[in-house]
Amino acid sequence: APGKEREGVSCISGGGGGTEYGNSVRGRFTISRDNAKNTVYLQMNNLK
């Protein structure tokens, strides 16, 4: 955000089996990946 440091939101491991979330988004955001499509998704719900 403007005037703020870059913040880690979420991470997904290479195979997709492991994920991590920042405290501010845990429970609201979901990360996933489709390696066949070379794409990673971030589903963001209940946005603030």
ModelCIF file with pLDDT and N, C-alpha, C, O atoms, coordinates in Angstrom:
data_MODEL
#
_entry.id   MODEL 
#
_entity.id                         1 
_entity.type                       polymer 
_entity.pdbx_number_of_molecules   1 
#
_entity_poly.entity_id                      1 
_entity_poly.type                           'polypeptide(L)' 
_entity_poly.nstd_linkage                   no 
_entity_poly.nstd_monomer                   no 
_entity_poly.pdbx_seq_one_letter_code       APGKEREGVSCISGGGGGTEYGNSVRGRFTISRDNAKNTVYLQMNNLK 
_entity_poly.pdbx_seq_one_letter_code_can   APGKEREGVSCISGGGGGTEYGNSVRGRFTISRDNAKNTVYLQMNNLK 
_entity_poly.pdbx_strand_id                 A 
#
loop_
_entity_poly_seq.entity_id 
_entity_poly_seq.num 
_entity_poly_seq.mon_id 
_entity_poly_seq.hetero 
1 1  ALA n 
1 2  PRO n 
1 3  GLY n 
1 4  LYS n 
1 5  GLU n 
1 6  ARG n 
1 7  GLU n 
1 8  GLY n 
1 9  VAL n 
1 10 SER n 
1 11 CYS n 
1 12 ILE n 
1 13 SER n 
1 14 GLY n 
1 15 GLY n 
1 16 GLY n 
1 17 GLY n 
1 18 GLY n 
1 19 THR n 
1 20 GLU n 
1 21 TYR n 
1 22 GLY n 
1 23 ASN n 
1 24 SER n 
1 25 VAL n 
1 26 ARG n 
1 27 GLY n 
1 28 ARG n 
1 29 PHE n 
1 30 THR n 
1 31 ILE n 
1 32 SER n 
1 33 ARG n 
1 34 ASP n 
1 35 ASN n 
1 36 ALA n 
1 37 LYS n 
1 38 ASN n 
1 39 THR n 
1 40 VAL n 
1 41 TYR n 
1 42 LEU n 
1 43 GLN n 
1 44 MET n 
1 45 ASN n 
1 46 ASN n 
1 47 LEU n 
1 48 LYS n 
#
_struct_asym.id          A 
_struct_asym.entity_id   1 
#
loop_
_ma_qa_metric.id 
_ma_qa_metric.mode 
_ma_qa_metric.name 
_ma_qa_metric.software_group_id 
_ma_qa_metric.type 
1 global pLDDT . pLDDT 
2 local  pLDDT . pLDDT 
#
_ma_qa_metric_global.metric_id      1 
_ma_qa_metric_global.metric_value   96.10 
_ma_qa_metric_global.model_id       1 
_ma_qa_metric_global.ordinal_id     1 
#
loop_
_ma_qa_metric_local.label_asym_id 
_ma_qa_metric_local.label_comp_id 
_ma_qa_metric_local.label_seq_id 
_ma_qa_metric_local.metric_id 
_ma_qa_metric_local.metric_value 
_ma_qa_metric_local.model_id 
_ma_qa_metric_local.ordinal_id 
A ALA 1  2 97.00 1 1  
A PRO 2  2 93.00 1 2  
A GLY 3  2 95.00 1 3  
A LYS 4  2 96.00 1 4  
A GLU 5  2 96.00 1 5  
A ARG 6  2 97.00 1 6  
A GLU 7  2 97.00 1 7  
A GLY 8  2 98.00 1 8  
A VAL 9  2 98.00 1 9  
A SER 10 2 98.00 1 10 
A CYS 11 2 98.00 1 11 
A ILE 12 2 97.00 1 12 
A SER 13 2 96.00 1 13 
A GLY 14 2 93.00 1 14 
A GLY 15 2 92.00 1 15 
A GLY 16 2 92.00 1 16 
A GLY 17 2 94.00 1 17 
A GLY 18 2 96.00 1 18 
A THR 19 2 97.00 1 19 
A GLU 20 2 98.00 1 20 
A TYR 21 2 98.00 1 21 
A GLY 22 2 97.00 1 22 
A ASN 23 2 96.00 1 23 
A SER 24 2 96.00 1 24 
A VAL 25 2 98.00 1 25 
A ARG 26 2 97.00 1 26 
A GLY 27 2 97.00 1 27 
A ARG 28 2 98.00 1 28 
A PHE 29 2 98.00 1 29 
A THR 30 2 98.00 1 30 
A ILE 31 2 98.00 1 31 
A SER 32 2 97.00 1 32 
A ARG 33 2 95.00 1 33 
A ASP 34 2 94.00 1 34 
A ASN 35 2 89.00 1 35 
A ALA 36 2 89.00 1 36 
A LYS 37 2 92.00 1 37 
A ASN 38 2 92.00 1 38 
A THR 39 2 95.00 1 39 
A VAL 40 2 97.00 1 40 
A TYR 41 2 98.00 1 41 
A LEU 42 2 98.00 1 42 
A GLN 43 2 98.00 1 43 
A MET 44 2 98.00 1 44 
A ASN 45 2 98.00 1 45 
A ASN 46 2 98.00 1 46 
A LEU 47 2 98.00 1 47 
A LYS 48 2 98.00 1 48 
#
loop_
_atom_site.group_PDB 
_atom_site.id 
_atom_site.type_symbol 
_atom_site.label_atom_id 
_atom_site.label_alt_id 
_atom_site.label_comp_id 
_atom_site.label_asym_id 
_atom_site.label_entity_id 
_atom_site.label_seq_id 
_atom_site.pdbx_PDB_ins_code 
_atom_site.Cartn_x 
_atom_site.Cartn_y 
_atom_site.Cartn_z 
_atom_site.occupancy 
_atom_site.B_iso_or_equiv 
_atom_site.pdbx_formal_charge 
_atom_site.auth_seq_id 
_atom_site.auth_comp_id 
_atom_site.auth_asym_id 
_atom_site.auth_atom_id 
_atom_site.pdbx_PDB_model_num 
ATOM 1   N N  . ALA A 1 1  ? 0.846   -1.181  0.000   1.00 97.00 ? 1  ALA A N  1 
ATOM 2   C CA . ALA A 1 1  ? 0.000   0.000   0.000   1.00 97.00 ? 1  ALA A CA 1 
ATOM 3   C C  . ALA A 1 1  ? 0.887   1.238   0.000   1.00 97.00 ? 1  ALA A C  1 
ATOM 4   O O  . ALA A 1 1  ? 2.036   1.168   0.438   1.00 97.00 ? 1  ALA A O  1 
ATOM 5   N N  . PRO A 1 2  ? 0.388   2.356   -0.474  1.00 93.00 ? 2  PRO A N  1 
ATOM 6   C CA . PRO A 1 2  ? 1.200   3.583   -0.509  1.00 93.00 ? 2  PRO A CA 1 
ATOM 7   C C  . PRO A 1 2  ? 1.757   3.925   0.873   1.00 93.00 ? 2  PRO A C  1 
ATOM 8   O O  . PRO A 1 2  ? 1.029   3.957   1.865   1.00 93.00 ? 2  PRO A O  1 
ATOM 9   N N  . GLY A 1 3  ? 3.057   4.177   0.909   1.00 95.00 ? 3  GLY A N  1 
ATOM 10  C CA . GLY A 1 3  ? 3.700   4.563   2.153   1.00 95.00 ? 3  GLY A CA 1 
ATOM 11  C C  . GLY A 1 3  ? 3.988   3.428   3.109   1.00 95.00 ? 3  GLY A C  1 
ATOM 12  O O  . GLY A 1 3  ? 4.462   3.656   4.222   1.00 95.00 ? 3  GLY A O  1 
ATOM 13  N N  . LYS A 1 4  ? 3.704   2.193   2.681   1.00 96.00 ? 4  LYS A N  1 
ATOM 14  C CA . LYS A 1 4  ? 3.932   1.047   3.558   1.00 96.00 ? 4  LYS A CA 1 
ATOM 15  C C  . LYS A 1 4  ? 4.928   0.083   2.920   1.00 96.00 ? 4  LYS A C  1 
ATOM 16  O O  . LYS A 1 4  ? 5.169   0.126   1.714   1.00 96.00 ? 4  LYS A O  1 
ATOM 17  N N  . GLU A 1 5  ? 5.496   -0.777  3.744   1.00 96.00 ? 5  GLU A N  1 
ATOM 18  C CA . GLU A 1 5  ? 6.427   -1.781  3.257   1.00 96.00 ? 5  GLU A CA 1 
ATOM 19  C C  . GLU A 1 5  ? 5.670   -2.908  2.540   1.00 96.00 ? 5  GLU A C  1 
ATOM 20  O O  . GLU A 1 5  ? 4.484   -3.140  2.776   1.00 96.00 ? 5  GLU A O  1 
ATOM 21  N N  . ARG A 1 6  ? 6.400   -3.593  1.661   1.00 97.00 ? 6  ARG A N  1 
ATOM 22  C CA . ARG A 1 6  ? 5.804   -4.737  0.990   1.00 97.00 ? 6  ARG A CA 1 
ATOM 23  C C  . ARG A 1 6  ? 5.554   -5.839  2.014   1.00 97.00 ? 6  ARG A C  1 
ATOM 24  O O  . ARG A 1 6  ? 6.422   -6.154  2.828   1.00 97.00 ? 6  ARG A O  1 
ATOM 25  N N  . GLU A 1 7  ? 4.382   -6.407  1.961   1.00 97.00 ? 7  GLU A N  1 
ATOM 26  C CA . GLU A 1 7  ? 3.931   -7.373  2.966   1.00 97.00 ? 7  GLU A CA 1 
ATOM 27  C C  . GLU A 1 7  ? 3.645   -8.720  2.314   1.00 97.00 ? 7  GLU A C  1 
ATOM 28  O O  . GLU A 1 7  ? 2.991   -8.780  1.273   1.00 97.00 ? 7  GLU A O  1 
ATOM 29  N N  . GLY A 1 8  ? 4.127   -9.792  2.917   1.00 98.00 ? 8  GLY A N  1 
ATOM 30  C CA . GLY A 1 8  ? 3.821   -11.119 2.426   1.00 98.00 ? 8  GLY A CA 1 
ATOM 31  C C  . GLY A 1 8  ? 2.389   -11.492 2.740   1.00 98.00 ? 8  GLY A C  1 
ATOM 32  O O  . GLY A 1 8  ? 1.940   -11.356 3.878   1.00 98.00 ? 8  GLY A O  1 
ATOM 33  N N  . VAL A 1 9  ? 1.669   -11.963 1.730   1.00 98.00 ? 9  VAL A N  1 
ATOM 34  C CA . VAL A 1 9  ? 0.259   -12.300 1.879   1.00 98.00 ? 9  VAL A CA 1 
ATOM 35  C C  . VAL A 1 9  ? 0.060   -13.805 1.980   1.00 98.00 ? 9  VAL A C  1 
ATOM 36  O O  . VAL A 1 9  ? -0.591  -14.295 2.903   1.00 98.00 ? 9  VAL A O  1 
ATOM 37  N N  . SER A 1 10 ? 0.625   -14.531 1.024   1.00 98.00 ? 10 SER A N  1 
ATOM 38  C CA . SER A 1 10 ? 0.419   -15.968 0.996   1.00 98.00 ? 10 SER A CA 1 
ATOM 39  C C  . SER A 1 10 ? 1.487   -16.615 0.137   1.00 98.00 ? 10 SER A C  1 
ATOM 40  O O  . SER A 1 10 ? 2.064   -15.983 -0.747  1.00 98.00 ? 10 SER A O  1 
ATOM 41  N N  . CYS A 1 11 ? 1.740   -17.886 0.412   1.00 98.00 ? 11 CYS A N  1 
ATOM 42  C CA . CYS A 1 11 ? 2.740   -18.649 -0.328  1.00 98.00 ? 11 CYS A CA 1 
ATOM 43  C C  . CYS A 1 11 ? 2.200   -20.046 -0.574  1.00 98.00 ? 11 CYS A C  1 
ATOM 44  O O  . CYS A 1 11 ? 1.468   -20.591 0.253   1.00 98.00 ? 11 CYS A O  1 
ATOM 45  N N  . ILE A 1 12 ? 2.561   -20.626 -1.713  1.00 97.00 ? 12 ILE A N  1 
ATOM 46  C CA . ILE A 1 12 ? 2.202   -22.006 -2.000  1.00 97.00 ? 12 ILE A CA 1 
ATOM 47  C C  . ILE A 1 12 ? 3.444   -22.718 -2.504  1.00 97.00 ? 12 ILE A C  1 
ATOM 48  O O  . ILE A 1 12 ? 4.181   -22.174 -3.327  1.00 97.00 ? 12 ILE A O  1 
ATOM 49  N N  . SER A 1 13 ? 3.685   -23.928 -2.018  1.00 96.00 ? 13 SER A N  1 
ATOM 50  C CA . SER A 1 13 ? 4.871   -24.680 -2.377  1.00 96.00 ? 13 SER A CA 1 
ATOM 51  C C  . SER A 1 13 ? 4.820   -25.123 -3.836  1.00 96.00 ? 13 SER A C  1 
ATOM 52  O O  . SER A 1 13 ? 3.784   -25.033 -4.496  1.00 96.00 ? 13 SER A O  1 
ATOM 53  N N  . GLY A 1 14 ? 5.961   -25.604 -4.321  1.00 93.00 ? 14 GLY A N  1 
ATOM 54  C CA . GLY A 1 14 ? 6.053   -25.960 -5.726  1.00 93.00 ? 14 GLY A CA 1 
ATOM 55  C C  . GLY A 1 14 ? 4.991   -26.941 -6.192  1.00 93.00 ? 14 GLY A C  1 
ATOM 56  O O  . GLY A 1 14 ? 4.417   -26.787 -7.269  1.00 93.00 ? 14 GLY A O  1 
ATOM 57  N N  . GLY A 1 15 ? 4.738   -27.946 -5.373  1.00 92.00 ? 15 GLY A N  1 
ATOM 58  C CA . GLY A 1 15 ? 3.732   -28.939 -5.737  1.00 92.00 ? 15 GLY A CA 1 
ATOM 59  C C  . GLY A 1 15 ? 2.328   -28.578 -5.322  1.00 92.00 ? 15 GLY A C  1 
ATOM 60  O O  . GLY A 1 15 ? 1.370   -29.251 -5.704  1.00 92.00 ? 15 GLY A O  1 
ATOM 61  N N  . GLY A 1 16 ? 2.195   -27.524 -4.544  1.00 92.00 ? 16 GLY A N  1 
ATOM 62  C CA . GLY A 1 16 ? 0.888   -27.065 -4.102  1.00 92.00 ? 16 GLY A CA 1 
ATOM 63  C C  . GLY A 1 16 ? 0.410   -27.663 -2.800  1.00 92.00 ? 16 GLY A C  1 
ATOM 64  O O  . GLY A 1 16 ? -0.686  -27.343 -2.340  1.00 92.00 ? 16 GLY A O  1 
ATOM 65  N N  . GLY A 1 17 ? 1.224   -28.540 -2.185  1.00 94.00 ? 17 GLY A N  1 
ATOM 66  C CA . GLY A 1 17 ? 0.768   -29.200 -0.971  1.00 94.00 ? 17 GLY A CA 1 
ATOM 67  C C  . GLY A 1 17 ? 0.954   -28.412 0.305   1.00 94.00 ? 17 GLY A C  1 
ATOM 68  O O  . GLY A 1 17 ? 0.372   -28.753 1.335   1.00 94.00 ? 17 GLY A O  1 
ATOM 69  N N  . GLY A 1 18 ? 1.753   -27.367 0.254   1.00 96.00 ? 18 GLY A N  1 
ATOM 70  C CA . GLY A 1 18 ? 2.001   -26.556 1.438   1.00 96.00 ? 18 GLY A CA 1 
ATOM 71  C C  . GLY A 1 18 ? 1.656   -25.108 1.188   1.00 96.00 ? 18 GLY A C  1 
ATOM 72  O O  . GLY A 1 18 ? 1.958   -24.561 0.127   1.00 96.00 ? 18 GLY A O  1 
ATOM 73  N N  . THR A 1 19 ? 1.016   -24.483 2.175   1.00 97.00 ? 19 THR A N  1 
ATOM 74  C CA . THR A 1 19 ? 0.649   -23.078 2.041   1.00 97.00 ? 19 THR A CA 1 
ATOM 75  C C  . THR A 1 19 ? 0.949   -22.327 3.337   1.00 97.00 ? 19 THR A C  1 
ATOM 76  O O  . THR A 1 19 ? 0.998   -22.909 4.420   1.00 97.00 ? 19 THR A O  1 
ATOM 77  N N  . GLU A 1 20 ? 1.145   -21.035 3.193   1.00 98.00 ? 20 GLU A N  1 
ATOM 78  C CA . GLU A 1 20 ? 1.325   -20.146 4.327   1.00 98.00 ? 20 GLU A CA 1 
ATOM 79  C C  . GLU A 1 20 ? 0.517   -18.878 4.069   1.00 98.00 ? 20 GLU A C  1 
ATOM 80  O O  . GLU A 1 20 ? 0.314   -18.476 2.923   1.00 98.00 ? 20 GLU A O  1 
ATOM 81  N N  . TYR A 1 21 ? 0.063   -18.258 5.151   1.00 98.00 ? 21 TYR A N  1 
ATOM 82  C CA . TYR A 1 21 ? -0.707  -17.030 5.030   1.00 98.00 ? 21 TYR A CA 1 
ATOM 83  C C  . TYR A 1 21 ? -0.227  -16.011 6.059   1.00 98.00 ? 21 TYR A C  1 
ATOM 84  O O  . TYR A 1 21 ? 0.194   -16.361 7.161   1.00 98.00 ? 21 TYR A O  1 
ATOM 85  N N  . GLY A 1 22 ? -0.302  -14.730 5.663   1.00 97.00 ? 22 GLY A N  1 
ATOM 86  C CA . GLY A 1 22 ? -0.059  -13.676 6.617   1.00 97.00 ? 22 GLY A CA 1 
ATOM 87  C C  . GLY A 1 22 ? -1.193  -13.602 7.623   1.00 97.00 ? 22 GLY A C  1 
ATOM 88  O O  . GLY A 1 22 ? -2.320  -13.995 7.323   1.00 97.00 ? 22 GLY A O  1 
ATOM 89  N N  . ASN A 1 23 ? -0.901  -13.104 8.804   1.00 96.00 ? 23 ASN A N  1 
ATOM 90  C CA . ASN A 1 23 ? -1.905  -13.074 9.866   1.00 96.00 ? 23 ASN A CA 1 
ATOM 91  C C  . ASN A 1 23 ? -3.130  -12.250 9.480   1.00 96.00 ? 23 ASN A C  1 
ATOM 92  O O  . ASN A 1 23 ? -4.247  -12.560 9.895   1.00 96.00 ? 23 ASN A O  1 
ATOM 93  N N  . SER A 1 24 ? -2.923  -11.214 8.695   1.00 96.00 ? 24 SER A N  1 
ATOM 94  C CA . SER A 1 24 ? -4.027  -10.313 8.379   1.00 96.00 ? 24 SER A CA 1 
ATOM 95  C C  . SER A 1 24 ? -5.009  -10.890 7.356   1.00 96.00 ? 24 SER A C  1 
ATOM 96  O O  . SER A 1 24 ? -6.108  -10.361 7.191   1.00 96.00 ? 24 SER A O  1 
ATOM 97  N N  . VAL A 1 25 ? -4.623  -11.969 6.671   1.00 98.00 ? 25 VAL A N  1 
ATOM 98  C CA . VAL A 1 25 ? -5.507  -12.520 5.632   1.00 98.00 ? 25 VAL A CA 1 
ATOM 99  C C  . VAL A 1 25 ? -5.938  -13.957 5.921   1.00 98.00 ? 25 VAL A C  1 
ATOM 100 O O  . VAL A 1 25 ? -6.808  -14.494 5.235   1.00 98.00 ? 25 VAL A O  1 
ATOM 101 N N  . ARG A 1 26 ? -5.345  -14.568 6.913   1.00 97.00 ? 26 ARG A N  1 
ATOM 102 C CA . ARG A 1 26 ? -5.637  -15.980 7.201   1.00 97.00 ? 26 ARG A CA 1 
ATOM 103 C C  . ARG A 1 26 ? -7.134  -16.145 7.489   1.00 97.00 ? 26 ARG A C  1 
ATOM 104 O O  . ARG A 1 26 ? -7.718  -15.398 8.275   1.00 97.00 ? 26 ARG A O  1 
ATOM 105 N N  . GLY A 1 27 ? -7.730  -17.130 6.842   1.00 97.00 ? 27 GLY A N  1 
ATOM 106 C CA . GLY A 1 27 ? -9.159  -17.374 7.011   1.00 97.00 ? 27 GLY A CA 1 
ATOM 107 C C  . GLY A 1 27 ? -10.024 -16.665 5.993   1.00 97.00 ? 27 GLY A C  1 
ATOM 108 O O  . GLY A 1 27 ? -11.201 -16.995 5.845   1.00 97.00 ? 27 GLY A O  1 
ATOM 109 N N  . ARG A 1 28 ? -9.463  -15.697 5.290   1.00 98.00 ? 28 ARG A N  1 
ATOM 110 C CA . ARG A 1 28 ? -10.214 -14.955 4.268   1.00 98.00 ? 28 ARG A CA 1 
ATOM 111 C C  . ARG A 1 28 ? -9.677  -15.217 2.857   1.00 98.00 ? 28 ARG A C  1 
ATOM 112 O O  . ARG A 1 28 ? -10.441 -15.218 1.893   1.00 98.00 ? 28 ARG A O  1 
ATOM 113 N N  . PHE A 1 29 ? -8.374  -15.438 2.739   1.00 98.00 ? 29 PHE A N  1 
ATOM 114 C CA . PHE A 1 29 ? -7.736  -15.648 1.443   1.00 98.00 ? 29 PHE A CA 1 
ATOM 115 C C  . PHE A 1 29 ? -7.354  -17.120 1.301   1.00 98.00 ? 29 PHE A C  1 
ATOM 116 O O  . PHE A 1 29 ? -7.033  -17.792 2.282   1.00 98.00 ? 29 PHE A O  1 
ATOM 117 N N  . THR A 1 30 ? -7.396  -17.604 0.057   1.00 98.00 ? 30 THR A N  1 
ATOM 118 C CA . THR A 1 30 ? -6.984  -18.974 -0.240  1.00 98.00 ? 30 THR A CA 1 
ATOM 119 C C  . THR A 1 30 ? -6.104  -18.971 -1.479  1.00 98.00 ? 30 THR A C  1 
ATOM 120 O O  . THR A 1 30 ? -6.479  -18.428 -2.518  1.00 98.00 ? 30 THR A O  1 
ATOM 121 N N  . ILE A 1 31 ? -4.936  -19.578 -1.361  1.00 98.00 ? 31 ILE A N  1 
ATOM 122 C CA . ILE A 1 31 ? -4.015  -19.672 -2.485  1.00 98.00 ? 31 ILE A CA 1 
ATOM 123 C C  . ILE A 1 31 ? -4.087  -21.070 -3.074  1.00 98.00 ? 31 ILE A C  1 
ATOM 124 O O  . ILE A 1 31 ? -4.265  -22.050 -2.352  1.00 98.00 ? 31 ILE A O  1 
ATOM 125 N N  . SER A 1 32 ? -3.949  -21.155 -4.390  1.00 97.00 ? 32 SER A N  1 
ATOM 126 C CA . SER A 1 32 ? -3.945  -22.444 -5.072  1.00 97.00 ? 32 SER A CA 1 
ATOM 127 C C  . SER A 1 32 ? -3.106  -22.308 -6.335  1.00 97.00 ? 32 SER A C  1 
ATOM 128 O O  . SER A 1 32 ? -2.748  -21.202 -6.738  1.00 97.00 ? 32 SER A O  1 
ATOM 129 N N  . ARG A 1 33 ? -2.799  -23.432 -6.948  1.00 95.00 ? 33 ARG A N  1 
ATOM 130 C CA . ARG A 1 33 ? -2.014  -23.378 -8.175  1.00 95.00 ? 33 ARG A CA 1 
ATOM 131 C C  . ARG A 1 33 ? -2.409  -24.495 -9.109  1.00 95.00 ? 33 ARG A C  1 
ATOM 132 O O  . ARG A 1 33 ? -2.829  -25.569 -8.678  1.00 95.00 ? 33 ARG A O  1 
ATOM 133 N N  . ASP A 1 34 ? -2.270  -24.231 -10.396 1.00 94.00 ? 34 ASP A N  1 
ATOM 134 C CA . ASP A 1 34 ? -2.486  -25.216 -11.452 1.00 94.00 ? 34 ASP A CA 1 
ATOM 135 C C  . ASP A 1 34 ? -1.203  -25.223 -12.281 1.00 94.00 ? 34 ASP A C  1 
ATOM 136 O O  . ASP A 1 34 ? -1.027  -24.386 -13.167 1.00 94.00 ? 34 ASP A O  1 
ATOM 137 N N  . ASN A 1 35 ? -0.324  -26.154 -11.997 1.00 89.00 ? 35 ASN A N  1 
ATOM 138 C CA . ASN A 1 35 ? 0.969   -26.164 -12.672 1.00 89.00 ? 35 ASN A CA 1 
ATOM 139 C C  . ASN A 1 35 ? 0.842   -26.463 -14.157 1.00 89.00 ? 35 ASN A C  1 
ATOM 140 O O  . ASN A 1 35 ? 1.686   -26.034 -14.944 1.00 89.00 ? 35 ASN A O  1 
ATOM 141 N N  . ALA A 1 36 ? -0.187  -27.184 -14.552 1.00 89.00 ? 36 ALA A N  1 
ATOM 142 C CA . ALA A 1 36 ? -0.388  -27.455 -15.974 1.00 89.00 ? 36 ALA A CA 1 
ATOM 143 C C  . ALA A 1 36 ? -0.676  -26.167 -16.743 1.00 89.00 ? 36 ALA A C  1 
ATOM 144 O O  . ALA A 1 36 ? -0.402  -26.074 -17.940 1.00 89.00 ? 36 ALA A O  1 
ATOM 145 N N  . LYS A 1 37 ? -1.229  -25.176 -16.044 1.00 92.00 ? 37 LYS A N  1 
ATOM 146 C CA . LYS A 1 37 ? -1.524  -23.883 -16.655 1.00 92.00 ? 37 LYS A CA 1 
ATOM 147 C C  . LYS A 1 37 ? -0.510  -22.819 -16.258 1.00 92.00 ? 37 LYS A C  1 
ATOM 148 O O  . LYS A 1 37 ? -0.648  -21.654 -16.630 1.00 92.00 ? 37 LYS A O  1 
ATOM 149 N N  . ASN A 1 38 ? 0.511   -23.222 -15.502 1.00 92.00 ? 38 ASN A N  1 
ATOM 150 C CA . ASN A 1 38 ? 1.537   -22.274 -15.036 1.00 92.00 ? 38 ASN A CA 1 
ATOM 151 C C  . ASN A 1 38 ? 0.906   -21.083 -14.319 1.00 92.00 ? 38 ASN A C  1 
ATOM 152 O O  . ASN A 1 38 ? 1.349   -19.947 -14.491 1.00 92.00 ? 38 ASN A O  1 
ATOM 153 N N  . THR A 1 39 ? -0.112  -21.336 -13.528 1.00 95.00 ? 39 THR A N  1 
ATOM 154 C CA . THR A 1 39 ? -0.871  -20.253 -12.908 1.00 95.00 ? 39 THR A CA 1 
ATOM 155 C C  . THR A 1 39 ? -1.094  -20.514 -11.429 1.00 95.00 ? 39 THR A C  1 
ATOM 156 O O  . THR A 1 39 ? -1.392  -21.632 -11.009 1.00 95.00 ? 39 THR A O  1 
ATOM 157 N N  . VAL A 1 40 ? -0.941  -19.448 -10.651 1.00 97.00 ? 40 VAL A N  1 
ATOM 158 C CA . VAL A 1 40 ? -1.247  -19.449 -9.229  1.00 97.00 ? 40 VAL A CA 1 
ATOM 159 C C  . VAL A 1 40 ? -2.391  -18.475 -8.995  1.00 97.00 ? 40 VAL A C  1 
ATOM 160 O O  . VAL A 1 40 ? -2.424  -17.387 -9.571  1.00 97.00 ? 40 VAL A O  1 
ATOM 161 N N  . TYR A 1 41 ? -3.317  -18.873 -8.152  1.00 98.00 ? 41 TYR A N  1 
ATOM 162 C CA . TYR A 1 41 ? -4.500  -18.068 -7.876  1.00 98.00 ? 41 TYR A CA 1 
ATOM 163 C C  . TYR A 1 41 ? -4.512  -17.595 -6.421  1.00 98.00 ? 41 TYR A C  1 
ATOM 164 O O  . TYR A 1 41 ? -3.963  -18.248 -5.534  1.00 98.00 ? 41 TYR A O  1 
ATOM 165 N N  . LEU A 1 42 ? -5.141  -16.462 -6.202  1.00 98.00 ? 42 LEU A N  1 
ATOM 166 C CA . LEU A 1 42 ? -5.389  -15.986 -4.845  1.00 98.00 ? 42 LEU A CA 1 
ATOM 167 C C  . LEU A 1 42 ? -6.861  -15.594 -4.763  1.00 98.00 ? 42 LEU A C  1 
ATOM 168 O O  . LEU A 1 42 ? -7.275  -14.563 -5.292  1.00 98.00 ? 42 LEU A O  1 
ATOM 169 N N  . GLN A 1 43 ? -7.636  -16.430 -4.095  1.00 98.00 ? 43 GLN A N  1 
ATOM 170 C CA . GLN A 1 43 ? -9.049  -16.134 -3.871  1.00 98.00 ? 43 GLN A CA 1 
ATOM 171 C C  . GLN A 1 43 ? -9.164  -15.290 -2.619  1.00 98.00 ? 43 GLN A C  1 
ATOM 172 O O  . GLN A 1 43 ? -8.745  -15.707 -1.539  1.00 98.00 ? 43 GLN A O  1 
ATOM 173 N N  . MET A 1 44 ? -9.729  -14.110 -2.761  1.00 98.00 ? 44 MET A N  1 
ATOM 174 C CA . MET A 1 44 ? -9.828  -13.167 -1.652  1.00 98.00 ? 44 MET A CA 1 
ATOM 175 C C  . MET A 1 44 ? -11.298 -12.928 -1.333  1.00 98.00 ? 44 MET A C  1 
ATOM 176 O O  . MET A 1 44 ? -12.045 -12.398 -2.156  1.00 98.00 ? 44 MET A O  1 
ATOM 177 N N  . ASN A 1 45 ? -11.702 -13.321 -0.136  1.00 98.00 ? 45 ASN A N  1 
ATOM 178 C CA . ASN A 1 45 ? -13.085 -13.167 0.304   1.00 98.00 ? 45 ASN A CA 1 
ATOM 179 C C  . ASN A 1 45 ? -13.164 -12.207 1.477   1.00 98.00 ? 45 ASN A C  1 
ATOM 180 O O  . ASN A 1 45 ? -12.164 -11.931 2.140   1.00 98.00 ? 45 ASN A O  1 
ATOM 181 N N  . ASN A 1 46 ? -14.352 -11.706 1.721   1.00 98.00 ? 46 ASN A N  1 
ATOM 182 C CA . ASN A 1 46 ? -14.590 -10.784 2.834   1.00 98.00 ? 46 ASN A CA 1 
ATOM 183 C C  . ASN A 1 46 ? -13.554 -9.663  2.852   1.00 98.00 ? 46 ASN A C  1 
ATOM 184 O O  . ASN A 1 46 ? -12.929 -9.390  3.877   1.00 98.00 ? 46 ASN A O  1 
ATOM 185 N N  . LEU A 1 47 ? -13.389 -9.029  1.713   1.00 98.00 ? 47 LEU A N  1 
ATOM 186 C CA . LEU A 1 47 ? -12.362 -7.998  1.588   1.00 98.00 ? 47 LEU A CA 1 
ATOM 187 C C  . LEU A 1 47 ? -12.671 -6.790  2.453   1.00 98.00 ? 47 LEU A C  1 
ATOM 188 O O  . LEU A 1 47 ? -13.830 -6.425  2.649   1.00 98.00 ? 47 LEU A O  1 
ATOM 189 N N  . LYS A 1 48 ? -11.618 -6.182  2.964   1.00 98.00 ? 48 LYS A N  1 
ATOM 190 C CA . LYS A 1 48 ? -11.709 -5.033  3.848   1.00 98.00 ? 48 LYS A CA 1 
ATOM 191 C C  . LYS A 1 48 ? -10.970 -3.858  3.219   1.00 98.00 ? 48 LYS A C  1 
ATOM 192 O O  . LYS A 1 48 ? -10.920 -2.775  3.804   1.00 98.00 ? 48 LYS A O  1 
#
